[in-house]
């Protein structure tokens, strides 16, 4: 699968999903900066969290590589994706049909 290798100083974390979204979030809370690395996999219907507010400070070396991932790092947490609300799914399917009928997809 395609994914990312995130290296913070000498610590490397690999993460990716078969189909879905991968997030690398940088957050500043007061004077502390944290990195969150997570993915939402549409195939397994799971959310993987590889870091949970990993702290970084000025002078830390960060590298991000987009690459083929042979195996993911062990997540600190895995949770199930919440189901789509029925009306949202119905609305999505109706809109998708309208776009299809107009030849836009």
Protein backbone atom coordinates (compact mmCIF):
# COMPACT_ATOMS: atom_id res chain seq x y z
CA UNK A 1 0.00 0.00 0.00
CA UNK A 2 1.05 3.61 -0.40
CA UNK A 3 1.64 5.56 2.75
CA UNK A 4 4.02 7.75 4.69
CA UNK A 5 7.16 7.27 6.70
CA UNK A 6 7.40 9.95 9.34
CA UNK A 7 10.78 10.36 11.02
CA UNK A 8 11.13 12.60 14.07
CA UNK A 9 14.81 12.77 14.96
CA UNK A 10 15.70 9.03 15.02
CA UNK A 11 12.17 7.68 15.57
CA UNK A 12 10.43 6.38 12.39
CA UNK A 13 6.72 5.59 12.11
CA UNK A 14 5.14 4.05 8.99
CA UNK A 15 1.45 4.44 8.27
CA UNK A 16 -0.95 4.04 5.41
CA UNK A 17 -4.39 2.72 4.47
CA UNK A 18 -5.61 0.54 1.61
CA UNK A 19 -8.21 3.13 0.61
CA UNK A 20 -9.10 6.25 2.52
CA UNK A 21 -7.35 9.20 4.12
CA UNK A 22 -4.08 9.68 6.02
CA UNK A 23 -3.64 12.71 8.27
CA UNK A 24 -0.48 14.39 9.53
CA UNK A 25 -1.61 17.14 11.88
CA UNK A 26 0.61 19.70 13.55
CA UNK A 27 -1.04 21.39 16.53
CA UNK A 28 0.21 24.12 18.83
CA UNK A 29 -1.26 24.10 22.32
CA UNK A 30 0.10 27.05 24.29
CA UNK A 31 3.88 26.76 23.79
CA UNK A 32 3.87 23.03 22.95
CA UNK A 33 3.78 21.68 19.40
CA UNK A 34 2.45 18.18 18.78
CA UNK A 35 2.17 15.89 15.77
CA UNK A 36 -0.70 13.49 15.23
CA UNK A 37 -0.41 10.78 12.56
CA UNK A 38 -3.59 8.85 11.79
CA UNK A 39 -5.52 7.18 9.01
CA UNK A 40 -9.12 6.41 8.16
CA UNK A 41 -9.38 3.18 6.16
CA UNK A 42 -12.53 2.75 4.04
CA UNK A 43 -11.74 -0.94 3.39
CA UNK A 44 -11.43 -2.08 7.02
CA UNK A 45 -13.77 0.65 8.33
CA UNK A 46 -11.20 1.47 11.00
CA UNK A 47 -9.33 4.52 12.23
CA UNK A 48 -5.63 3.99 12.99
CA UNK A 49 -3.77 6.35 15.30
CA UNK A 50 0.02 6.01 15.08
CA UNK A 51 0.84 8.95 17.34
CA UNK A 52 -1.13 10.68 20.04
CA UNK A 53 0.17 14.21 20.37
CA UNK A 54 3.83 13.39 19.76
CA UNK A 55 5.69 16.43 21.16
CA UNK A 56 8.25 18.26 19.01
CA UNK A 57 10.43 21.21 19.87
CA UNK A 58 12.55 23.70 17.94
CA UNK A 59 15.58 22.00 16.48
CA UNK A 60 13.88 18.60 16.05
CA UNK A 61 14.44 17.07 12.62
CA UNK A 62 11.26 16.00 10.79
CA UNK A 63 11.17 14.00 7.56
CA UNK A 64 8.07 12.86 5.68
CA UNK A 65 8.37 10.38 2.82
CA UNK A 66 5.52 9.23 0.58
CA UNK A 67 6.37 5.65 -0.31
CA UNK A 68 5.22 2.05 -0.59
CA UNK A 69 4.61 0.72 2.92
CA UNK A 70 5.40 -2.98 3.40
CA UNK A 71 4.04 -2.99 6.96
CA UNK A 72 2.52 -0.31 9.14
CA UNK A 73 3.89 0.60 12.55
CA UNK A 74 1.81 -0.68 15.43
CA UNK A 75 -0.89 1.92 16.14
CA UNK A 76 -1.27 3.37 19.62
CA UNK A 77 -5.04 3.05 19.07
CA UNK A 78 -7.50 1.49 16.60
CA UNK A 79 -11.19 2.35 16.56
CA UNK A 80 -14.19 1.65 14.36
CA UNK A 81 -15.35 4.40 12.03
CA UNK A 82 -18.79 5.65 13.03
CA UNK A 83 -21.48 4.63 10.53
CA UNK A 84 -22.86 7.24 8.18
CA UNK A 85 -26.23 8.45 9.24
CA UNK A 86 -28.92 6.91 7.02
CA UNK A 87 -30.16 10.25 5.65
CA UNK A 88 -26.62 11.29 4.69
CA UNK A 89 -26.05 8.07 2.77
CA UNK A 90 -29.42 8.40 1.05
CA UNK A 91 -28.69 12.02 0.11
CA UNK A 92 -25.24 11.06 -1.18
CA UNK A 93 -26.68 8.30 -3.37
CA UNK A 94 -29.32 10.68 -4.78
CA UNK A 95 -26.72 13.34 -5.59
CA UNK A 96 -24.43 10.74 -7.14
CA UNK A 97 -27.32 9.55 -9.37
CA UNK A 98 -28.06 13.12 -10.48
CA UNK A 99 -24.41 13.69 -11.42
CA UNK A 100 -24.37 10.38 -13.29
CA UNK A 101 -27.53 11.29 -15.20
CA UNK A 102 -25.97 14.63 -16.21
CA UNK A 103 -22.88 12.81 -17.47
CA UNK A 104 -20.59 14.48 -14.95
CA UNK A 105 -19.35 11.18 -13.50
